[in-house]
Amino acid sequence: MPPIICFEDLTVGEPMPPLTKEPIDIDQLVRYAGASGDFNPIHIDPSVGEAAGLGGVIAHGMLIMGFMGEAVTNWIPNFCLKKIKARFIGITRPGDIITISGKVIEKKESDNRIVCSLAAKDQHGELKIKGSFEAQLPSKYSNQQPMKGA
């Protein structure tokens, strides 16, 4: 579990630590299909991806969104995470190197929540997913921790 960051430690505009993943490969897509139950052949069979006009195999969008969740919970403990949103923008292909980044865009003092932007981009800077998340953080001036599951 990452060290707990306190609400007062963050400022609007502050970036979260980026997460860069290894290049996507077919083995990873097959493993993800098995784990998720999404065996749509456009994710594992190049001929189906070609026939669908996609230029070959494409990665599961939810795999890339999972990378977003990993980046967030590497920075903010998962019990602090209250909401995550994502909008799928571009196609990810085998060989793409995905980097997740984000920054604090709002602080809500009433309940120690932060709102952060999120972006998943490939090695060329092409946006794959954009999104946001909210997390409720403890205060360094209180012994009270965020409620798990709240």
Protein backbone atom coordinates (compact mmCIF):
# COMPACT_ATOMS: atom_id res chain seq x y z
CA MET A 1 0.00 0.00 0.00
CA PRO A 2 1.38 3.44 -0.87
CA PRO A 3 2.08 5.85 1.97
CA ILE A 4 -1.00 7.83 2.87
CA ILE A 5 -0.98 11.34 1.45
CA CYS A 6 -2.80 13.97 3.48
CA PHE A 7 -5.24 16.44 1.98
CA GLU A 8 -3.06 19.39 3.03
CA ASP A 9 -0.01 17.95 1.24
CA LEU A 10 -1.51 18.47 -2.22
CA THR A 11 -2.08 21.62 -4.26
CA VAL A 12 -4.22 22.27 -7.32
CA GLY A 13 -2.09 21.66 -10.39
CA GLU A 14 0.13 19.12 -8.67
CA PRO A 15 0.82 16.11 -10.90
CA MET A 16 0.36 12.54 -9.79
CA PRO A 17 3.31 10.22 -10.40
CA PRO A 18 3.06 8.90 -13.98
CA LEU A 19 2.89 5.20 -14.70
CA THR A 20 4.43 3.82 -17.91
CA LYS A 21 3.61 0.25 -18.86
CA GLU A 22 5.64 -2.19 -20.93
CA PRO A 23 4.61 -2.44 -24.61
CA ILE A 24 1.25 -4.16 -25.11
CA ASP A 25 1.67 -7.63 -26.62
CA ILE A 26 -0.64 -10.37 -27.86
CA ASP A 27 0.10 -12.62 -24.87
CA GLN A 28 -1.08 -9.87 -22.53
CA LEU A 29 -4.28 -9.46 -24.56
CA VAL A 30 -4.97 -13.20 -24.45
CA ARG A 31 -4.36 -13.26 -20.68
CA TYR A 32 -6.65 -10.25 -20.22
CA ALA A 33 -9.34 -11.91 -22.34
CA GLY A 34 -9.19 -14.92 -20.04
CA ALA A 35 -9.28 -12.85 -16.88
CA SER A 36 -12.10 -10.58 -18.04
CA GLY A 37 -14.12 -13.07 -20.07
CA ASP A 38 -13.98 -10.72 -23.08
CA PHE A 39 -12.99 -13.06 -25.89
CA ASN A 40 -14.08 -10.76 -28.71
CA PRO A 41 -11.77 -11.93 -31.52
CA ILE A 42 -10.82 -8.35 -32.49
CA HIS A 43 -8.59 -8.47 -29.41
CA ILE A 44 -6.76 -11.72 -30.21
CA ASP A 45 -7.16 -12.65 -33.90
CA PRO A 46 -5.40 -10.36 -36.42
CA SER A 47 -7.53 -11.59 -39.35
CA VAL A 48 -10.75 -10.63 -37.54
CA GLY A 49 -9.32 -7.21 -36.69
CA GLU A 50 -8.39 -6.74 -40.36
CA ALA A 51 -11.83 -7.86 -41.56
CA ALA A 52 -13.46 -5.40 -39.13
CA GLY A 53 -11.46 -2.54 -40.66
CA LEU A 54 -9.33 -2.04 -37.55
CA GLY A 55 -5.99 -2.82 -39.18
CA GLY A 56 -5.42 -5.84 -36.95
CA VAL A 57 -5.73 -6.66 -33.27
CA ILE A 58 -6.70 -3.90 -30.83
CA ALA A 59 -6.32 -3.90 -27.04
CA HIS A 60 -9.29 -4.08 -24.71
CA GLY A 61 -10.27 -0.58 -23.60
CA MET A 62 -10.89 -1.89 -20.10
CA LEU A 63 -7.29 -3.14 -19.94
CA ILE A 64 -6.09 0.42 -20.47
CA MET A 65 -8.62 1.68 -17.93
CA GLY A 66 -7.19 -0.91 -15.53
CA PHE A 67 -3.80 0.71 -16.02
CA MET A 68 -5.45 3.99 -14.96
CA GLY A 69 -6.70 2.37 -11.77
CA GLU A 70 -3.24 0.96 -11.11
CA ALA A 71 -1.65 4.41 -11.51
CA VAL A 72 -4.18 5.98 -9.14
CA THR A 73 -3.83 3.31 -6.44
CA ASN A 74 -0.03 3.41 -6.69
CA TRP A 75 -0.38 7.02 -5.49
CA ILE A 76 -3.59 7.09 -3.42
CA PRO A 77 -4.55 4.09 -1.24
CA ASN A 78 -7.50 2.28 -2.80
CA PHE A 79 -9.71 2.80 0.27
CA CYS A 80 -9.41 6.58 -0.32
CA LEU A 81 -10.62 6.29 -3.93
CA LYS A 82 -14.31 7.21 -4.18
CA LYS A 83 -14.99 7.55 -7.90
CA ILE A 84 -13.22 7.03 -11.21
CA LYS A 85 -14.56 8.02 -14.63
CA ALA A 86 -13.20 7.32 -18.08
CA ARG A 87 -14.03 8.14 -21.68
CA PHE A 88 -12.50 5.98 -24.39
CA ILE A 89 -10.94 8.13 -27.11
CA GLY A 90 -8.47 6.12 -29.21
CA ILE A 91 -7.49 2.58 -30.13
CA THR A 92 -4.51 0.90 -28.45
CA ARG A 93 -2.54 -1.63 -30.48
CA PRO A 94 0.10 -4.25 -29.72
CA GLY A 95 3.45 -2.50 -29.37
CA ASP A 96 1.96 0.66 -27.86
CA ILE A 97 3.58 1.90 -24.67
CA ILE A 98 0.93 3.47 -22.44
CA THR A 99 1.67 6.19 -19.91
CA ILE A 100 -0.93 7.28 -17.37
CA SER A 101 -0.72 10.81 -16.04
CA GLY A 102 -2.93 13.15 -14.10
CA LYS A 103 -3.04 16.16 -11.84
CA VAL A 104 -5.06 17.66 -9.02
CA ILE A 105 -7.72 19.92 -10.55
CA GLU A 106 -9.83 20.66 -7.47
CA LYS A 107 -9.72 20.41 -3.69
CA LYS A 108 -12.98 20.16 -1.72
CA GLU A 109 -12.23 21.30 1.81
CA SER A 110 -15.68 20.36 3.13
CA ASP A 111 -14.82 16.65 3.05
CA ASN A 112 -11.09 16.52 2.20
CA ARG A 113 -11.72 15.33 -1.35
CA ILE A 114 -9.45 15.88 -4.29
CA VAL A 115 -10.54 15.73 -7.90
CA CYS A 116 -7.84 14.77 -10.38
CA SER A 117 -7.68 14.53 -14.15
CA LEU A 118 -6.42 11.36 -15.81
CA ALA A 119 -5.04 10.64 -19.26
CA ALA A 120 -3.74 7.49 -20.94
CA LYS A 121 -1.47 8.24 -23.90
CA ASP A 122 0.75 6.14 -26.12
CA GLN A 123 4.42 6.69 -26.94
CA HIS A 124 3.42 9.21 -29.65
CA GLY A 125 1.30 11.27 -27.26
CA GLU A 126 -1.97 10.00 -28.77
CA LEU A 127 -4.78 10.10 -26.21
CA LYS A 128 -6.41 6.72 -25.59
CA ILE A 129 -8.56 7.47 -22.54
CA LYS A 130 -9.32 10.64 -20.64
CA GLY A 131 -10.93 10.65 -17.26
CA SER A 132 -10.94 11.77 -13.67
CA PHE A 133 -11.08 10.45 -10.16
CA GLU A 134 -12.07 11.62 -6.70
CA ALA A 135 -10.40 10.57 -3.49
CA GLN A 136 -11.12 11.43 0.12
CA LEU A 137 -7.89 11.93 2.01
CA PRO A 138 -7.11 12.14 5.70
CA SER A 139 -6.18 15.47 7.24
CA LYS A 140 -2.79 15.84 8.88
CA TYR A 141 -4.60 17.85 11.56
CA SER A 142 -6.94 15.03 12.55
CA ASN A 143 -6.53 11.45 13.67
CA GLN A 144 -9.61 10.55 11.65
CA GLN A 145 -8.93 8.46 8.54
CA PRO A 146 -11.28 8.38 5.54
CA MET A 147 -14.00 5.80 6.04
CA LYS A 148 -13.35 2.63 4.08
CA GLY A 149 -16.09 2.09 1.51
CA ALA A 150 -17.62 5.55 2.07
